[in-house]
Protein backbone atom coordinates (compact mmCIF):
# COMPACT_ATOMS: atom_id res chain seq x y z
CA MET A 1 23.50 -30.41 13.16
CA GLN A 2 21.40 -27.37 14.31
CA ARG A 3 17.57 -27.61 13.98
CA ARG A 4 15.59 -25.01 12.55
CA SER A 5 13.09 -23.34 14.78
CA ARG A 6 9.83 -24.25 14.11
CA ARG A 7 7.65 -22.10 12.11
CA ARG A 8 4.52 -20.60 14.50
CA ALA A 9 1.11 -19.27 13.45
CA VAL A 10 1.34 -15.85 14.45
CA ASN A 11 -1.33 -13.40 13.41
CA GLY A 12 -1.14 -10.01 13.41
CA ILE A 13 0.36 -6.61 11.18
CA VAL A 14 3.77 -5.12 12.12
CA LEU A 15 4.45 -1.50 10.17
CA VAL A 16 7.94 -1.38 9.04
CA ASN A 17 9.51 2.15 8.20
CA LYS A 18 11.38 0.34 5.18
CA ALA A 19 15.36 1.60 4.87
CA PRO A 20 16.50 2.53 1.26
CA GLY A 21 18.28 -0.37 -0.29
CA LEU A 22 15.78 -3.06 0.87
CA THR A 23 13.21 -4.64 -1.97
CA SER A 24 9.76 -5.74 0.02
CA ALA A 25 10.31 -8.82 0.01
CA ASP A 26 13.61 -8.28 2.26
CA VAL A 27 11.52 -6.59 4.65
CA VAL A 28 8.82 -9.20 4.62
CA LYS A 29 11.89 -11.98 5.15
CA GLN A 30 12.84 -9.97 8.12
CA VAL A 31 10.23 -9.47 9.90
CA SER A 32 9.08 -13.01 9.11
CA LYS A 33 12.26 -14.31 10.63
CA LEU A 34 11.46 -11.72 13.56
CA TYR A 35 8.64 -13.12 14.68
CA ASN A 36 9.29 -17.29 13.51
CA ALA A 37 6.21 -16.79 11.34
CA LYS A 38 4.76 -19.33 9.25
CA LYS A 39 2.84 -17.23 6.85
CA ALA A 40 4.16 -13.67 5.74
CA GLY A 41 3.06 -10.75 3.07
CA HIS A 42 3.20 -7.21 2.61
CA THR A 43 1.00 -4.73 1.12
CA GLY A 44 1.89 -2.86 -1.91
CA THR A 45 5.40 -3.10 -2.93
CA LEU A 46 8.12 0.11 -2.08
CA ASP A 47 10.85 0.26 -4.79
CA PRO A 48 14.08 -0.21 -3.36
CA PHE A 49 15.43 3.34 -3.42
CA ALA A 50 12.05 4.85 -1.32
CA THR A 51 11.47 4.57 1.89
CA GLY A 52 8.51 4.48 4.81
CA LEU A 53 5.78 2.85 6.13
CA LEU A 54 5.40 -0.84 4.56
CA PRO A 55 2.96 -3.04 6.20
CA VAL A 56 3.57 -6.39 6.59
CA CYS A 57 0.91 -9.27 7.39
CA LEU A 58 1.44 -12.12 9.50
CA GLY A 59 -0.69 -15.25 9.10
CA GLU A 60 -4.24 -14.50 8.96
CA ALA A 61 -3.71 -10.76 8.82
CA THR A 62 -2.60 -12.19 4.99
CA LYS A 63 -6.29 -12.21 4.24
CA VAL A 64 -6.76 -8.33 4.90
CA SER A 65 -3.60 -7.50 2.73
CA SER A 66 -6.06 -6.84 -0.21
CA MET A 67 -8.01 -4.37 1.54
CA LEU A 68 -5.00 -2.59 2.20
CA LEU A 69 -4.14 -2.78 -1.26
CA ALA A 70 -6.80 -1.12 -2.63
CA SER A 71 -6.26 1.29 0.20
CA ASP A 72 -5.26 5.10 -1.00
CA LYS A 73 -2.11 6.10 0.00
CA ARG A 74 0.55 9.38 0.52
CA TYR A 75 3.84 9.65 -0.53
CA THR A 76 6.15 12.55 0.03
CA ALA A 77 8.48 13.04 -2.89
CA THR A 78 11.50 14.88 -3.98
CA LEU A 79 11.52 15.29 -8.20
CA LEU A 80 15.21 16.05 -9.47
CA LEU A 81 14.91 18.30 -13.06
CA GLY A 82 17.17 18.32 -15.71
CA GLU A 83 18.05 14.64 -16.36
CA ALA A 84 15.48 11.82 -16.90
CA THR A 85 16.43 8.38 -16.02
CA ASP A 86 15.29 4.69 -17.35
CA THR A 87 13.64 3.79 -14.32
CA GLY A 88 12.27 6.95 -13.31
CA ASP A 89 14.63 6.88 -10.05
CA HIS A 90 17.88 7.67 -9.30
CA GLU A 91 18.96 3.87 -9.41
CA GLY A 92 18.70 3.90 -13.58
CA GLU A 93 20.71 5.07 -16.05
CA VAL A 94 20.23 9.08 -17.41
CA ILE A 95 18.66 8.76 -20.76
CA GLU A 96 18.09 12.31 -21.23
CA ARG A 97 19.20 15.82 -20.67
CA ALA A 98 17.20 19.21 -21.09
CA SER A 99 18.13 22.74 -19.51
CA VAL A 100 15.54 23.64 -16.46
CA PRO A 101 13.40 27.21 -16.98
CA GLU A 102 13.72 29.54 -13.95
CA LEU A 103 11.12 28.83 -11.25
CA THR A 104 8.56 30.53 -9.36
CA LEU A 105 6.36 29.49 -6.88
CA GLU A 106 3.48 30.59 -9.65
CA SER A 107 4.49 28.06 -11.89
CA VAL A 108 5.67 24.90 -9.63
CA ALA A 109 1.88 25.48 -7.92
CA SER A 110 0.52 25.28 -11.31
CA ALA A 111 2.27 22.71 -12.63
CA LEU A 112 1.06 20.61 -9.50
CA ALA A 113 -2.34 21.94 -9.68
CA ARG A 114 -2.54 20.30 -13.29
CA PHE A 115 -2.28 16.79 -11.80
CA SER A 116 -4.97 17.08 -9.01
CA GLY A 117 -7.94 14.76 -9.90
CA LYS A 118 -8.35 12.05 -12.09
CA ILE A 119 -5.49 11.25 -14.72
CA MET A 120 -4.33 8.42 -16.89
CA GLN A 121 -0.84 7.22 -16.52
CA VAL A 122 1.05 4.71 -18.21
CA PRO A 123 2.80 2.11 -15.91
CA PRO A 124 6.71 2.25 -16.54
CA MET A 125 8.44 -0.48 -17.98
CA TYR A 126 10.37 -0.55 -14.56
CA SER A 127 7.53 -2.13 -12.62
CA SER A 128 6.13 -5.58 -11.47
CA LEU A 129 3.47 -5.38 -13.83
CA LYS A 130 3.32 -8.52 -15.80
CA HIS A 131 3.09 -9.86 -18.94
CA GLU A 132 2.51 -13.05 -20.11
CA GLY A 133 4.02 -14.05 -16.93
CA GLN A 134 6.85 -11.77 -16.31
CA SER A 135 7.32 -8.66 -14.97
CA LEU A 136 7.73 -5.96 -16.89
CA HIS A 137 11.57 -5.19 -15.16
CA VAL A 138 12.30 -8.44 -16.54
CA TYR A 139 11.69 -7.05 -20.14
CA ALA A 140 13.17 -4.02 -19.32
CA ARG A 141 16.41 -5.40 -18.65
CA GLN A 142 16.53 -7.05 -21.63
CA GLY A 143 16.13 -3.79 -23.82
CA ILE A 144 12.42 -5.05 -24.35
CA GLU A 145 9.99 -2.39 -24.83
CA ILE A 146 6.19 -3.60 -23.84
CA GLU A 147 3.08 -1.74 -25.17
CA ARG A 148 1.05 -0.17 -21.86
CA GLU A 149 -1.98 0.27 -21.62
CA PRO A 150 -3.14 3.85 -20.01
CA ARG A 151 -5.09 3.41 -16.88
CA GLU A 152 -6.78 5.72 -14.79
CA VAL A 153 -5.68 7.14 -11.53
CA GLU A 154 -7.08 9.77 -9.10
CA ILE A 155 -4.32 12.32 -7.35
CA ARG A 156 -6.79 13.21 -4.70
CA ALA A 157 -4.60 15.84 -3.32
CA ILE A 158 -1.23 17.23 -4.44
CA GLU A 159 0.85 20.24 -2.53
CA LEU A 160 4.06 21.90 -2.89
CA ILE A 161 6.28 21.17 0.11
CA ASP A 162 9.93 23.43 -1.03
CA PHE A 163 11.60 23.93 -4.51
CA ASP A 164 14.71 25.26 -4.94
CA GLN A 165 16.04 26.04 -9.06
CA ASN A 166 16.20 22.39 -9.93
CA GLN A 167 14.54 20.46 -7.28
CA ILE A 168 11.06 19.98 -6.23
CA ARG A 169 9.52 18.51 -2.90
CA PHE A 170 6.04 17.59 -2.98
CA ASP A 171 2.98 15.57 -1.11
CA VAL A 172 0.67 13.58 -2.60
CA HIS A 173 -2.09 11.49 -1.65
CA CYS A 174 -3.23 9.45 -4.64
CA SER A 175 -5.70 6.17 -5.00
CA LYS A 176 -4.14 2.50 -5.52
CA GLY A 177 -1.88 1.92 -8.48
CA THR A 178 -0.67 5.36 -9.19
CA TYR A 179 3.01 5.62 -10.00
CA ILE A 180 4.86 8.38 -8.36
CA ARG A 181 7.72 7.85 -10.80
CA VAL A 182 5.18 8.49 -13.72
CA LEU A 183 3.70 11.40 -11.74
CA GLY A 184 7.35 13.24 -11.28
CA GLY A 185 8.34 12.51 -14.67
CA ASP A 186 5.04 13.85 -16.02
CA ILE A 187 5.43 17.07 -13.43
CA ALA A 188 9.11 17.73 -14.70
CA GLN A 189 7.86 17.65 -18.62
CA SER A 190 4.81 20.26 -17.31
CA LEU A 191 7.63 22.40 -16.30
CA GLY A 192 8.97 22.04 -19.73
CA THR A 193 11.80 19.86 -19.36
CA VAL A 194 12.24 16.42 -17.69
CA GLY A 195 13.58 14.41 -14.39
CA HIS A 196 13.57 11.69 -12.11
CA LEU A 197 12.79 10.87 -8.49
CA VAL A 198 15.74 11.04 -6.14
CA ALA A 199 13.70 10.43 -2.61
CA LEU A 200 10.48 9.01 -2.22
CA HIS A 201 8.99 8.44 1.22
CA ARG A 202 5.22 6.93 2.18
CA THR A 203 3.52 8.36 4.86
CA GLN A 204 0.19 6.72 4.44
CA THR A 205 -1.61 3.28 3.55
CA GLY A 206 -5.02 3.37 3.91
CA VAL A 207 -5.43 3.71 8.04
CA PHE A 208 -2.01 3.34 8.57
CA HIS A 209 0.05 6.54 8.95
CA SER A 210 3.58 7.07 9.68
CA GLN A 211 3.70 8.29 13.45
CA MET A 212 2.85 4.27 13.93
CA MET A 213 5.54 2.95 11.47
CA GLN A 214 8.93 1.69 12.99
CA PRO A 215 12.45 0.93 12.05
CA ILE A 216 13.12 -2.71 11.73
CA GLU A 217 16.09 -2.55 14.82
CA GLU A 218 12.91 -1.02 16.76
CA ILE A 219 10.60 -3.67 15.98
CA ALA A 220 13.26 -6.34 16.91
CA ARG A 221 13.71 -5.01 20.28
CA TYR A 222 9.58 -4.59 20.88
CA ARG A 223 8.36 -7.20 18.61
CA ASN A 224 5.23 -7.62 21.21
CA THR A 225 4.30 -4.60 21.26
CA ASN A 226 4.98 -3.73 17.46
CA LEU A 227 2.33 -6.69 16.53
CA LEU A 228 -0.46 -5.04 15.77
CA PRO A 229 -4.11 -7.03 15.85
CA LEU A 230 -5.49 -7.63 12.09
CA ASP A 231 -8.99 -5.95 12.63
CA ILE A 232 -6.66 -2.33 12.95
CA ALA A 233 -6.68 -2.36 9.28
CA LEU A 234 -10.44 -2.46 8.91
CA THR A 235 -11.51 0.21 11.67
CA ASP A 236 -12.91 2.05 8.12
CA TYR A 237 -15.85 -0.55 8.59
CA GLN A 238 -18.83 -0.94 10.87
CA SER A 239 -18.67 -3.56 13.24
CA LEU A 240 -21.76 -6.16 14.45
CA TYR A 241 -21.34 -8.32 17.91
CA LEU A 242 -23.03 -11.38 17.08
CA THR A 243 -24.43 -14.38 19.70
CA SER A 244 -22.77 -17.91 19.41
CA GLU A 245 -25.44 -18.93 17.47
CA GLN A 246 -25.14 -16.55 15.28
CA LYS A 247 -21.70 -17.05 14.21
CA ASP A 248 -22.38 -20.58 14.25
CA HIS A 249 -24.98 -20.55 11.51
CA LEU A 250 -22.55 -17.97 9.43
CA TRP A 251 -19.71 -20.65 9.84
CA MET A 252 -21.50 -23.42 8.38
CA GLY A 253 -22.44 -21.08 5.64
CA GLY A 254 -25.63 -19.74 6.18
CA PHE A 255 -26.94 -16.09 6.45
CA LEU A 256 -28.53 -13.59 8.75
CA PHE A 257 -31.34 -11.49 7.73
CA ASP A 258 -32.05 -10.08 11.61
CA VAL A 259 -28.61 -8.32 12.08
CA LYS A 260 -28.18 -5.46 10.10
CA PRO A 261 -25.59 -2.27 9.32
CA SER A 262 -26.67 1.09 10.44
CA ASP A 263 -27.89 1.57 6.64
CA PRO A 264 -29.39 -1.20 5.22
CA GLU A 265 -30.36 -0.26 2.28
CA GLN A 266 -26.31 -0.01 1.37
CA SER A 267 -24.22 -2.89 0.61
CA CYS A 268 -21.13 -3.09 2.50
CA LEU A 269 -18.17 -4.63 4.66
CA VAL A 270 -18.61 -5.06 8.06
CA ARG A 271 -16.59 -6.41 11.18
CA LEU A 272 -18.00 -9.17 13.02
CA TYR A 273 -17.34 -10.16 16.73
CA ASP A 274 -17.98 -12.73 18.73
CA GLU A 275 -19.54 -12.81 22.32
CA GLN A 276 -16.38 -12.80 23.65
CA GLN A 277 -15.56 -9.63 21.27
CA HIS A 278 -12.84 -10.88 19.55
CA ILE A 279 -13.08 -10.78 15.19
CA PHE A 280 -13.77 -13.76 13.50
CA ALA A 281 -14.67 -12.93 10.00
CA VAL A 282 -15.56 -9.54 7.87
CA GLY A 283 -19.14 -9.68 6.66
CA GLU A 284 -20.70 -9.05 3.59
CA TRP A 285 -23.85 -6.82 4.16
CA GLN A 286 -26.22 -7.50 0.47
CA ALA A 287 -28.47 -4.65 0.51
CA ASP A 288 -30.41 -6.34 -2.43
CA LYS A 289 -31.51 -9.25 -0.70
CA GLN A 290 -31.71 -8.06 3.26
CA ARG A 291 -29.02 -10.29 4.47
CA LEU A 292 -25.42 -10.79 5.65
CA LYS A 293 -22.70 -13.66 5.13
CA ILE A 294 -19.04 -13.87 5.95
CA LYS A 295 -16.79 -12.90 2.77
CA ARG A 296 -13.45 -13.50 4.54
CA GLY A 297 -12.81 -15.74 8.08
CA PHE A 298 -10.18 -15.59 10.40
CA ASN A 299 -8.83 -19.11 11.84
CA LEU A 300 -7.93 -17.00 15.17
CA ALA A 301 -7.43 -19.86 18.02
CA THR A 302 -6.00 -16.85 20.29
CA PRO A 303 -6.90 -13.57 19.53
CA VAL A 304 -3.83 -11.47 18.63
């Protein structure tokens, strides 16, 4: 019997251009297998029909996944008008049809503009949100409707790309937790009809953008060059370089008062590097106490 290869400690981030038809979990399994990694996870689910940027964190990089989950996202979406589906995308069953009014550049642009800024969204039933320990989509497939509270999200920018008589393509930059399927349906309603998404492509997650991603086939061919260091996800944070003594003091649970960010009156997260310029932690500067402590440490035997 052939023995399974032993999983190894691989630390880094892989930016996948997800193909349609795959779940985000499918992509994580593929990347984990490619690198034979002990630990892996993604940072923000993409629906199976959706494509585009899906960061996969390996090893110690999974510790920064929550920071990526909290970051803004950007998408290109295609909205088909005249038919609504139970899932809000083309994989669902048609539940309503309506005529489509004549569209003009002014009417479409005006409809999109109504959703700029902070808006309230009701999460869809076909989602991974939990109710009593189960995802909402489990209830949805059983025909059970669960009451959901509206949530505030923010549309930072929304721009029309093009349109025809029954289809609109737009670009949207949004806060975490925004459901583009719900946004698409709401846009259709503001135009006096119904609609659902037929395409959704993510182009940005935080500091990562579409020019950095690769299809899984290319990642398999060039694994080393496609494994990015985990601190690439943290470039929005200031960096502080510490001595060995300072690093050891923090690792032991201590605080530093003599190492400060550029604005010591503002609480913030910072990247902490050792004397070899290797990241070893995300630090938290506490402005009220004027001290620095470790927020999240990384166990990197060798820098990756």
